[in-house]
N, C-alpha and C. Protein backbone atom coordinates (compact mmCIF):
# COMPACT_ATOMS: atom_id res chain seq x y z
N MET A 1 5.95 -11.41 -29.19
CA MET A 1 4.85 -11.72 -29.15
C MET A 1 5.24 -13.85 -28.71
N ASP A 2 6.77 -13.84 -29.19
CA ASP A 2 6.75 -15.47 -28.96
C ASP A 2 7.62 -15.66 -27.50
N GLY A 3 8.42 -14.08 -26.97
CA GLY A 3 8.77 -14.05 -25.66
C GLY A 3 7.54 -14.06 -24.70
N LEU A 4 6.49 -13.43 -24.90
CA LEU A 4 5.11 -13.65 -24.27
C LEU A 4 4.55 -15.03 -24.53
N TYR A 5 4.37 -15.65 -25.38
CA TYR A 5 4.12 -16.53 -25.23
C TYR A 5 4.95 -17.63 -24.40
N GLU A 6 6.38 -17.81 -24.52
CA GLU A 6 6.80 -18.18 -23.48
C GLU A 6 6.56 -18.45 -22.32
N ASN A 7 6.41 -16.81 -21.62
CA ASN A 7 6.47 -16.51 -19.98
C ASN A 7 5.11 -17.10 -19.95
N TYR A 8 3.89 -17.13 -20.65
CA TYR A 8 2.45 -17.91 -20.42
C TYR A 8 2.95 -19.28 -20.53
N CYS A 9 3.47 -20.24 -21.36
CA CYS A 9 3.95 -21.81 -20.79
C CYS A 9 4.39 -21.76 -19.76
N MET A 10 5.84 -20.98 -19.50
CA MET A 10 6.62 -21.26 -18.67
C MET A 10 5.18 -21.08 -16.94
N VAL A 11 4.67 -20.05 -16.69
CA VAL A 11 3.78 -19.30 -15.37
C VAL A 11 2.73 -20.63 -15.90
N GLU A 12 2.13 -21.05 -16.59
CA GLU A 12 1.44 -22.50 -17.02
C GLU A 12 1.70 -23.79 -16.29
N ALA A 13 3.13 -24.17 -16.55
CA ALA A 13 4.07 -25.12 -15.58
C ALA A 13 3.83 -24.93 -14.21
N ILE A 14 4.64 -23.59 -14.20
CA ILE A 14 4.57 -23.56 -12.40
C ILE A 14 3.58 -23.48 -11.87
N LEU A 15 2.34 -23.18 -12.38
CA LEU A 15 1.13 -22.91 -11.66
C LEU A 15 0.42 -24.37 -11.69
N SER A 16 1.09 -25.38 -12.72
CA SER A 16 0.55 -26.69 -12.57
C SER A 16 0.88 -27.57 -11.37
N SER A 17 1.89 -27.48 -10.59
CA SER A 17 2.52 -28.06 -10.36
C SER A 17 2.58 -28.23 -9.03
N LEU A 18 2.49 -29.85 -8.44
CA LEU A 18 1.72 -30.02 -6.94
C LEU A 18 2.35 -28.48 -5.47
N GLU A 19 3.50 -28.46 -5.57
CA GLU A 19 4.34 -27.48 -4.60
C GLU A 19 3.01 -25.93 -4.89
N MET A 20 2.74 -25.78 -5.37
CA MET A 20 1.58 -24.72 -5.61
C MET A 20 0.48 -24.43 -5.16
N GLU A 21 0.17 -25.91 -4.55
CA GLU A 21 -1.23 -25.67 -4.41
C GLU A 21 -1.33 -25.68 -3.19
N GLY A 22 -2.34 -24.71 -2.32
CA GLY A 22 -2.81 -24.07 -1.18
C GLY A 22 -1.39 -23.24 -1.02
N CYS A 23 -1.18 -22.21 -1.82
CA CYS A 23 -0.86 -20.98 -1.82
C CYS A 23 -1.66 -20.44 -2.21
N HIS A 24 -1.71 -18.82 -1.39
CA HIS A 24 -2.97 -18.04 -1.97
C HIS A 24 -2.27 -16.30 -1.72
N SER A 25 -2.81 -15.69 -2.74
CA SER A 25 -2.73 -14.38 -3.02
C SER A 25 -1.19 -14.19 -3.22
N GLU A 26 -0.38 -13.34 -2.15
CA GLU A 26 0.62 -12.78 -2.58
C GLU A 26 2.14 -14.09 -2.67
N LYS A 27 1.69 -14.60 -1.41
CA LYS A 27 2.67 -15.97 -1.87
C LYS A 27 2.49 -16.93 -2.89
N HIS A 28 1.33 -16.87 -4.00
CA HIS A 28 1.54 -17.66 -4.90
C HIS A 28 2.34 -17.05 -5.51
N TYR A 29 2.58 -15.52 -5.62
CA TYR A 29 2.96 -14.98 -6.71
C TYR A 29 4.55 -14.93 -6.47
N LEU A 30 4.65 -14.77 -5.04
CA LEU A 30 6.14 -14.95 -4.85
C LEU A 30 7.33 -16.22 -5.18
N LYS A 31 6.24 -17.13 -4.90
CA LYS A 31 6.84 -18.84 -5.39
C LYS A 31 7.06 -18.40 -7.14
N LEU A 32 5.31 -18.31 -7.58
CA LEU A 32 6.16 -18.75 -9.17
C LEU A 32 7.28 -17.59 -9.43
N PHE A 33 7.15 -16.10 -8.82
CA PHE A 33 8.51 -15.55 -9.42
C PHE A 33 9.95 -16.11 -8.97
N SER A 34 9.77 -16.68 -7.73
CA SER A 34 11.14 -17.26 -7.57
C SER A 34 11.69 -18.97 -8.44
N LYS A 35 10.82 -19.18 -9.04
CA LYS A 35 10.65 -20.47 -9.59
C LYS A 35 10.88 -20.53 -11.44
N ALA A 36 10.74 -18.82 -11.77
CA ALA A 36 10.43 -18.57 -13.02
C ALA A 36 12.24 -18.46 -13.38
N ASP A 37 12.11 -19.19 -14.76
CA ASP A 37 13.77 -19.24 -15.19
C ASP A 37 14.23 -17.61 -15.82
N VAL A 38 13.39 -16.60 -16.22
CA VAL A 38 13.84 -15.82 -16.78
C VAL A 38 12.59 -14.54 -15.81
N PRO A 39 13.62 -13.72 -15.79
CA PRO A 39 12.20 -12.30 -15.26
C PRO A 39 10.84 -12.11 -16.10
N LEU A 40 10.09 -12.34 -14.99
CA LEU A 40 8.91 -12.24 -15.59
C LEU A 40 8.33 -10.52 -15.28
N VAL A 41 8.75 -9.80 -16.12
CA VAL A 41 8.24 -8.22 -16.29
C VAL A 41 7.34 -7.99 -16.31
N ASN A 42 6.35 -8.59 -17.22
CA ASN A 42 5.23 -7.87 -17.65
C ASN A 42 4.49 -8.52 -16.29
N LEU A 43 4.82 -9.78 -16.08
CA LEU A 43 3.73 -10.51 -14.69
C LEU A 43 3.88 -9.38 -13.41
N ARG A 44 5.51 -9.37 -13.62
CA ARG A 44 5.71 -8.53 -11.99
C ARG A 44 4.42 -6.73 -11.94
N LYS A 45 4.70 -6.75 -13.31
CA LYS A 45 4.31 -4.71 -12.96
C LYS A 45 2.79 -5.16 -13.09
N VAL A 46 2.01 -6.35 -13.78
CA VAL A 46 0.86 -6.61 -13.27
C VAL A 46 0.29 -6.82 -11.65
N SER A 47 1.18 -7.36 -11.27
CA SER A 47 0.79 -7.90 -10.30
C SER A 47 0.85 -7.14 -8.84
N ALA A 48 2.26 -6.22 -9.52
CA ALA A 48 2.32 -5.06 -8.66
C ALA A 48 1.11 -3.85 -8.73
N TYR A 49 1.02 -4.10 -9.60
CA TYR A 49 -0.78 -3.25 -10.04
C TYR A 49 -1.67 -3.64 -8.89
N ILE A 50 -1.97 -4.66 -9.15
CA ILE A 50 -2.92 -5.39 -8.34
C ILE A 50 -2.55 -5.48 -6.51
N PHE A 51 -1.96 -6.08 -6.04
CA PHE A 51 -1.48 -5.56 -4.72
C PHE A 51 -1.68 -4.25 -4.08
N SER A 52 -0.86 -3.30 -5.37
CA SER A 52 -1.19 -1.92 -4.43
C SER A 52 -2.50 -1.43 -4.10
N ILE A 53 -3.75 -2.55 -4.88
CA ILE A 53 -5.00 -1.77 -4.55
C ILE A 53 -5.34 -2.02 -3.51
N PRO A 54 -5.84 -0.90 -2.42
CA PRO A 54 -6.31 -1.54 -1.58
C PRO A 54 -7.38 -2.14 -1.36
N CYS A 55 -7.76 -3.27 -0.21
CA CYS A 55 -9.60 -3.38 -0.12
C CYS A 55 -10.16 -3.29 0.66
N SER A 56 -10.47 -2.64 1.14
CA SER A 56 -11.30 -1.17 1.57
C SER A 56 -10.74 0.31 2.20
N ASN A 57 -11.69 1.24 2.05
CA ASN A 57 -11.92 2.47 1.95
C ASN A 57 -11.85 2.61 3.52
N ALA A 58 -11.06 1.81 4.42
CA ALA A 58 -11.25 2.25 5.61
C ALA A 58 -10.34 3.57 6.02
N TYR A 59 -9.22 3.47 5.43
CA TYR A 59 -8.33 4.59 5.53
C TYR A 59 -8.87 5.98 5.47
N THR A 60 -9.59 6.20 4.35
CA THR A 60 -10.18 7.14 3.71
C THR A 60 -11.08 7.86 4.06
N ASN A 61 -12.01 6.61 5.15
CA ASN A 61 -13.08 7.01 5.96
C ASN A 61 -12.39 7.97 7.08
N ARG A 62 -11.35 7.32 7.83
CA ARG A 62 -10.81 7.64 8.84
C ARG A 62 -10.06 8.93 8.41
N VAL A 63 -9.61 9.01 7.47
CA VAL A 63 -9.08 10.76 7.06
C VAL A 63 -10.04 11.53 7.18
N PHE A 64 -11.02 11.33 5.98
CA PHE A 64 -12.47 11.98 6.42
C PHE A 64 -12.41 12.96 7.35
N SER A 65 -13.28 11.76 8.42
CA SER A 65 -13.05 11.85 9.63
C SER A 65 -12.31 12.60 10.76
N MET A 66 -11.38 12.79 10.37
CA MET A 66 -9.98 13.35 10.99
C MET A 66 -10.46 14.66 10.18
N ILE A 67 -10.48 15.03 9.21
CA ILE A 67 -10.68 16.27 8.51
C ILE A 67 -11.81 16.87 9.25
N THR A 68 -13.17 16.43 9.50
CA THR A 68 -14.09 16.84 10.05
C THR A 68 -14.32 17.32 11.53
N SER A 69 -13.72 16.60 12.47
CA SER A 69 -13.39 16.65 13.54
C SER A 69 -12.19 17.98 13.73
N ALA A 70 -11.26 18.33 12.44
CA ALA A 70 -10.13 19.08 12.69
C ALA A 70 -10.84 20.36 12.13
N TRP A 71 -11.98 20.46 11.28
CA TRP A 71 -12.10 21.67 10.91
C TRP A 71 -14.18 21.91 11.15
N ARG A 72 -14.07 21.97 12.43
CA ARG A 72 -15.56 21.83 12.68
C ARG A 72 -16.04 23.27 12.81
N ASN A 73 -16.95 23.73 13.22
CA ASN A 73 -17.48 25.28 13.44
C ASN A 73 -16.86 26.55 13.86
N GLU A 74 -16.01 25.68 15.34
CA GLU A 74 -15.32 26.56 15.91
C GLU A 74 -14.35 27.24 15.08
N ARG A 75 -14.04 25.93 14.13
CA ARG A 75 -12.17 26.21 13.87
C ARG A 75 -12.77 26.58 11.89
N ASN A 76 -13.69 27.29 11.77
CA ASN A 76 -14.01 27.34 10.61
C ASN A 76 -13.28 28.23 9.86
N ARG A 77 -12.47 29.55 10.40
CA ARG A 77 -11.51 29.84 9.22
C ARG A 77 -10.20 29.61 9.60
N LEU A 78 -9.81 28.35 9.27
CA LEU A 78 -8.69 28.13 9.08
C LEU A 78 -8.23 27.75 7.54
N ASN A 79 -7.06 27.90 7.32
CA ASN A 79 -7.47 27.46 5.98
C ASN A 79 -6.64 25.97 5.66
N VAL A 80 -6.91 25.56 4.22
CA VAL A 80 -6.40 24.50 3.88
C VAL A 80 -5.42 23.86 4.31
N GLU A 81 -4.35 25.18 3.96
CA GLU A 81 -2.42 24.33 4.40
C GLU A 81 -2.56 24.00 5.96
N SER A 82 -3.18 24.78 6.95
CA SER A 82 -3.39 24.46 8.52
C SER A 82 -3.61 23.22 8.53
N VAL A 83 -5.15 22.70 7.96
CA VAL A 83 -5.45 21.36 7.75
C VAL A 83 -4.65 20.20 7.23
N LYS A 84 -4.74 20.60 6.37
CA LYS A 84 -3.13 19.51 5.73
C LYS A 84 -2.38 19.44 6.56
N ALA A 85 -1.39 20.40 7.19
CA ALA A 85 -0.19 19.96 8.17
C ALA A 85 -0.68 19.37 9.42
N GLU A 86 -1.92 19.98 9.69
CA GLU A 86 -2.97 18.76 11.10
C GLU A 86 -3.01 17.86 10.99
N LEU A 87 -3.62 17.45 9.64
CA LEU A 87 -3.47 16.21 9.30
C LEU A 87 -2.54 15.37 9.37
N GLN A 88 -1.49 15.97 8.51
CA GLN A 88 0.18 14.73 8.16
C GLN A 88 0.56 14.57 9.95
N VAL A 89 0.56 15.23 10.51
CA VAL A 89 0.97 15.18 12.01
C VAL A 89 0.46 14.25 12.71
N CYS A 90 -1.26 13.90 12.83
CA CYS A 90 -2.25 13.35 13.20
C CYS A 90 -1.80 11.51 12.69
N VAL A 91 -1.95 11.96 11.52
CA VAL A 91 -1.59 10.50 10.63
C VAL A 91 0.10 9.50 10.40
N ASN A 92 0.69 10.56 10.44
CA ASN A 92 2.13 10.16 10.26
C ASN A 92 2.97 9.90 11.82
N PHE A 93 2.39 10.82 12.67
CA PHE A 93 3.47 10.21 13.94
C PHE A 93 2.46 9.93 15.19
N THR A 94 2.94 8.86 15.57
CA THR A 94 2.29 7.93 17.03
C THR A 94 3.00 8.65 18.36
N LEU A 95 3.55 10.00 18.34
CA LEU A 95 4.23 9.66 19.59
C LEU A 95 2.93 10.84 20.16
N ASP A 96 2.96 10.84 21.39
CA ASP A 96 2.23 11.88 22.28
C ASP A 96 2.81 13.16 22.52
N CYS A 97 1.94 14.28 22.95
CA CYS A 97 2.75 15.57 23.08
C CYS A 97 4.13 15.73 23.87
N ALA A 98 4.08 14.87 24.58
CA ALA A 98 5.35 15.07 25.76
C ALA A 98 6.88 14.54 24.42
N ASP A 99 6.29 13.20 24.39
CA ASP A 99 7.57 12.70 23.35
C ASP A 99 7.75 13.15 22.26
N MET A 100 6.59 14.04 21.40
CA MET A 100 7.40 14.70 20.55
C MET A 100 8.31 15.92 20.92
N TYR A 101 7.44 16.61 22.19
CA TYR A 101 8.39 17.85 22.59
C TYR A 101 9.81 17.21 22.78
N ARG A 102 10.17 16.13 23.10
CA ARG A 102 11.51 15.70 23.37
C ARG A 102 12.18 15.06 22.48
N LYS A 103 11.40 14.73 21.59
CA LYS A 103 12.06 14.15 20.30
C LYS A 103 12.59 15.31 19.10
N PHE A 104 11.64 16.34 19.21
CA PHE A 104 11.77 17.72 18.00
C PHE A 104 12.17 18.93 19.11
N PRO A 105 13.43 19.14 19.93
CA PRO A 105 13.09 20.28 21.11
C PRO A 105 13.04 21.40 20.03
N VAL A 106 12.76 23.02 20.76
CA VAL A 106 12.84 24.11 20.25
C VAL A 106 13.92 24.59 20.67
N HIS A 107 14.58 25.01 20.30
CA HIS A 107 15.75 26.62 20.55
C HIS A 107 15.91 27.67 20.62
């Protein structure tokens, strides 16, 4: 508990300094961690968790839209693995068909 209180006092002193004014979100935390005398392990874990939360669900909506277009009535017999593989290729590769063929030649 003493260590946590010391970390709190250190963070409080750093945050009240003049050079922290005008900093927002991730820059604020980067300056905080660079100015600290000891590693703030617990605060790093909390801030990493907070910054990993997406600010919108646009990516998820885009993937569901791609699933809908891939699994339409004309292709209703596709199994889940085929749709998953098609979506992984569409999401993770940005090459067009000709460039993909040159990158991964068939032997």
